[in-house]
C-alpha atoms as a PDB file:
ATOM      1  CA  MET A   1     110.871  41.745  93.170  1.00  0.00           C
ATOM      2  CA  THR A   2     109.658  38.667  91.320  1.00  0.00           C
ATOM      3  CA  LEU A   3     109.432  35.193  92.940  1.00  0.00           C
ATOM      4  CA  GLY A   4     108.117  32.645  90.325  1.00  0.00           C
ATOM      5  CA  HIS A   5     104.811  34.092  88.908  1.00  0.00           C
ATOM      6  CA  VAL A   6     104.470  36.535  91.899  1.00  0.00           C
ATOM      7  CA  VAL A   7     105.500  40.328  91.431  1.00  0.00           C
ATOM      8  CA  LEU A   8     105.937  42.343  94.775  1.00  0.00           C
ATOM      9  CA  GLY A   9     106.148  45.961  94.867  1.00  0.00           C
ATOM     10  CA  GLY A  10     105.823  48.525  97.733  1.00  0.00           C
ATOM     11  CA  SER A  11     103.110  50.468  96.173  1.00  0.00           C
ATOM     12  CA  PRO A  12     100.943  50.635  93.213  1.00  0.00           C
ATOM     13  CA  GLN A  13     103.236  53.291  91.784  1.00  0.00           C
ATOM     14  CA  ALA A  14     106.250  50.951  92.179  1.00  0.00           C
ATOM     15  CA  LEU A  15     104.659  48.147  90.408  1.00  0.00           C
ATOM     16  CA  ASP A  16     103.557  50.220  87.381  1.00  0.00           C
ATOM     17  CA  ALA A  17     107.225  51.675  87.313  1.00  0.00           C
ATOM     18  CA  THR A  18     108.701  47.997  87.249  1.00  0.00           C
ATOM     19  CA  ARG A  19     106.036  45.884  85.660  1.00  0.00           C
ATOM     20  CA  ASN A  20     107.748  45.460  82.281  1.00  0.00           C
ATOM     21  CA  HIS A  21     111.044  44.550  83.964  1.00  0.00           C
ATOM     22  CA  GLU A  22     109.652  42.311  86.486  1.00  0.00           C
ATOM     23  CA  LEU A  23     107.638  40.488  83.691  1.00  0.00           C
ATOM     24  CA  VAL A  24     110.610  39.516  82.149  1.00  0.00           C
ATOM     25  CA  HIS A  25     111.810  37.934  85.106  1.00  0.00           C
ATOM     26  CA  VAL A  26     108.512  35.887  85.222  1.00  0.00           C
ATOM     27  CA  GLU A  27     109.369  34.656  81.705  1.00  0.00           C
ATOM     28  CA  GLN A  28     112.868  33.654  83.073  1.00  0.00           C
ATOM     29  CA  TYR A  29     111.133  31.691  85.846  1.00  0.00           C
ATOM     30  CA  GLU A  30     109.093  29.877  83.359  1.00  0.00           C
ATOM     31  CA  ARG A  31     112.203  28.870  81.168  1.00  0.00           C
ATOM     32  CA  TRP A  32     114.255  27.862  84.446  1.00  0.00           C
ATOM     33  CA  GLY A  33     111.654  26.772  86.591  1.00  0.00           C
ATOM     34  CA  PRO A  34     112.565  26.263  90.378  1.00  0.00           C
ATOM     35  CA  ALA A  35     116.310  26.610  89.296  1.00  0.00           C
ATOM     36  CA  PHE A  36     115.789  30.178  88.499  1.00  0.00           C
ATOM     37  CA  ILE A  37     116.080  31.657  92.028  1.00  0.00           C
ATOM     38  CA  PRO A  38     119.051  29.619  92.943  1.00  0.00           C
ATOM     39  CA  ALA A  39     120.623  30.320  89.447  1.00  0.00           C
ATOM     40  CA  TYR A  40     120.061  34.164  89.880  1.00  0.00           C
ATOM     41  CA  PHE A  41     121.677  34.193  93.351  1.00  0.00           C
ATOM     42  CA  LEU A  42     124.647  31.961  92.251  1.00  0.00           C
ATOM     43  CA  CYS A  43     125.218  34.184  89.130  1.00  0.00           C
ATOM     44  CA  ALA A  44     125.360  37.156  91.624  1.00  0.00           C
ATOM     45  CA  LEU A  45     127.619  35.264  94.188  1.00  0.00           C
ATOM     46  CA  LEU A  46     130.113  34.258  91.340  1.00  0.00           C
ATOM     47  CA  LEU A  47     130.092  37.963  89.968  1.00  0.00           C
ATOM     48  CA  ARG A  48     130.913  39.178  93.265  1.00  0.00           C
ATOM     49  CA  LEU A  49     133.752  36.899  93.643  1.00  0.00           C
ATOM     50  CA  GLN A  50     135.063  38.131  90.397  1.00  0.00           C
ATOM     51  CA  GLY A  51     134.867  41.771  91.838  1.00  0.00           C
ATOM     52  CA  ARG A  52     131.800  42.626  89.475  1.00  0.00           C
ATOM     53  CA  HIS A  53     128.489  43.888  90.378  1.00  0.00           C
ATOM     54  CA  GLY A  54     126.301  40.917  91.574  1.00  0.00           C
ATOM     55  CA  TYR A  55     123.090  43.064  90.223  1.00  0.00           C
ATOM     56  CA  TRP A  56     124.081  45.294  87.482  1.00  0.00           C
ATOM     57  CA  ASP A  57     126.282  42.556  85.770  1.00  0.00           C
ATOM     58  CA  ASN A  58     123.886  39.658  86.337  1.00  0.00           C
ATOM     59  CA  PRO A  59     123.006  38.080  83.140  1.00  0.00           C
ATOM     60  CA  PHE A  60     119.230  37.792  84.454  1.00  0.00           C
ATOM     61  CA  GLU A  61     119.177  41.506  85.150  1.00  0.00           C
ATOM     62  CA  ARG A  62     120.883  42.439  81.862  1.00  0.00           C
ATOM     63  CA  GLU A  63     118.228  40.660  79.806  1.00  0.00           C
ATOM     64  CA  ALA A  64     115.313  42.266  81.760  1.00  0.00           C
ATOM     65  CA  TYR A  65     116.601  45.702  81.579  1.00  0.00           C
ATOM     66  CA  ARG A  66     117.514  45.029  77.681  1.00  0.00           C
ATOM     67  CA  ARG A  67     114.006  43.640  76.970  1.00  0.00           C
ATOM     68  CA  ALA A  68     111.798  45.756  79.215  1.00  0.00           C
ATOM     69  CA  PRO A  69     110.630  49.187  77.382  1.00  0.00           C
END
């Protein structure tokens, strides 16, 4: 999980496995600034209200999965 410039993980192995994906979120935070976290959750909420998946359909996640090797 990424909060601003901080990436949290349950173990060193989890951090290694998700590092590239989470670093995309760090870049997103740098672009969006403090609005990133509310924008992320607002997207998730709006998607859920549309009957879509708040995580897998979230444009922030889609970008992170697309860009992370």
